Amino acid sequence: MIRITPKYGEPIAVTLRRFKKICEREGIIKEVKKHSYFETKNQIRRRKRLKAIRKSQVENADDSQFGRSQSSSAPPRPQKRW
């Protein structure tokens, strides 16, 4: 449970903003949205599978963006030592 005590002379808007930041950091908003409707086991598995696919695509895109392809047989360039 999150408890916020307003500081002396602190406006309500600032206190509310601190509360929202703490809720966001703790992941409470995300958890509430996740449980706002019933999700079957098949839907959970499908969501996790799609998330893994997207994650792998992003990692592959990052590798190709920086010239690091997995099929390349060229050795990596040595790093400069200062």
Protein backbone atom coordinates (compact mmCIF):
# COMPACT_ATOMS: atom_id res chain seq x y z
CA MET A 1 0.00 0.00 0.00
CA ILE A 2 1.29 3.41 -0.95
CA ARG A 3 1.02 6.23 1.55
CA ILE A 4 1.76 9.82 0.73
CA THR A 5 1.89 12.45 3.42
CA PRO A 6 1.58 15.96 2.07
CA LYS A 7 4.40 18.25 3.13
CA TYR A 8 3.55 21.44 4.96
CA GLY A 9 2.36 24.05 2.48
CA GLU A 10 2.58 21.64 -0.49
CA PRO A 11 -0.18 22.10 -3.07
CA ILE A 12 -2.53 19.20 -3.72
CA ALA A 13 -1.43 19.06 -7.37
CA VAL A 14 2.19 18.42 -6.36
CA THR A 15 1.16 15.74 -3.86
CA LEU A 16 -0.98 14.04 -6.49
CA ARG A 17 1.90 14.15 -8.97
CA ARG A 18 4.22 12.48 -6.39
CA PHE A 19 1.56 9.81 -5.81
CA LYS A 20 1.23 9.13 -9.54
CA LYS A 21 5.00 8.82 -9.95
CA ILE A 22 5.23 6.31 -7.12
CA CYS A 23 2.33 4.30 -8.58
CA GLU A 24 4.04 4.26 -11.98
CA ARG A 25 7.38 3.20 -10.49
CA GLU A 26 5.77 0.40 -8.53
CA GLY A 27 3.86 -0.83 -11.59
CA ILE A 28 0.46 -0.56 -9.94
CA ILE A 29 -1.22 1.11 -12.92
CA LYS A 30 0.09 -1.56 -15.28
CA GLU A 31 -1.12 -4.32 -12.94
CA VAL A 32 -4.60 -2.81 -12.65
CA LYS A 33 -4.93 -2.50 -16.43
CA LYS A 34 -3.73 -6.08 -16.83
CA HIS A 35 -6.38 -7.39 -14.44
CA SER A 36 -9.19 -5.15 -15.66
CA TYR A 37 -10.60 -7.99 -17.78
CA PHE A 38 -10.37 -11.78 -17.75
CA GLU A 39 -7.71 -13.30 -19.97
CA THR A 40 -7.78 -16.99 -20.85
CA LYS A 41 -4.68 -19.16 -20.67
CA ASN A 42 -4.54 -19.29 -24.45
CA GLN A 43 -4.57 -15.49 -24.65
CA ILE A 44 -1.77 -15.27 -22.06
CA ARG A 45 0.39 -17.74 -24.00
CA ARG A 46 -0.28 -15.92 -27.26
CA ARG A 47 0.60 -12.53 -25.75
CA LYS A 48 3.86 -13.89 -24.30
CA ARG A 49 4.78 -15.55 -27.59
CA LEU A 50 4.15 -12.37 -29.58
CA LYS A 51 6.15 -10.36 -27.05
CA ALA A 52 9.10 -12.75 -27.46
CA ILE A 53 8.88 -12.48 -31.25
CA ARG A 54 8.85 -8.67 -31.11
CA LYS A 55 11.79 -8.68 -28.70
CA SER A 56 13.86 -10.91 -30.97
CA GLN A 57 13.03 -8.75 -33.98
CA VAL A 58 14.17 -5.64 -32.13
CA GLU A 59 17.43 -7.33 -31.11
CA ASN A 60 18.05 -8.47 -34.68
CA ALA A 61 17.26 -5.00 -36.01
CA ASP A 62 19.73 -3.46 -33.54
CA ASP A 63 22.45 -5.89 -34.62
CA SER A 64 21.96 -5.12 -38.30
CA GLN A 65 21.82 -1.40 -37.61
CA PHE A 66 25.32 -1.43 -36.13
CA GLY A 67 26.76 -3.75 -38.76
CA ARG A 68 26.81 -6.79 -36.50
CA SER A 69 25.21 -9.54 -38.50
CA GLN A 70 25.34 -13.07 -37.13
CA SER A 71 26.12 -14.60 -40.54
CA SER A 72 29.17 -12.41 -41.08
CA SER A 73 32.49 -14.30 -41.00
CA ALA A 74 34.61 -11.17 -40.59
CA PRO A 75 36.28 -10.90 -37.18
CA PRO A 76 35.26 -8.01 -34.95
CA ARG A 77 37.39 -4.90 -35.07
CA PRO A 78 39.71 -4.38 -32.09
CA GLN A 79 38.76 -1.65 -29.69
CA LYS A 80 40.97 1.38 -29.30
CA ARG A 81 42.82 1.71 -26.03
CA TRP A 82 43.43 5.24 -24.92
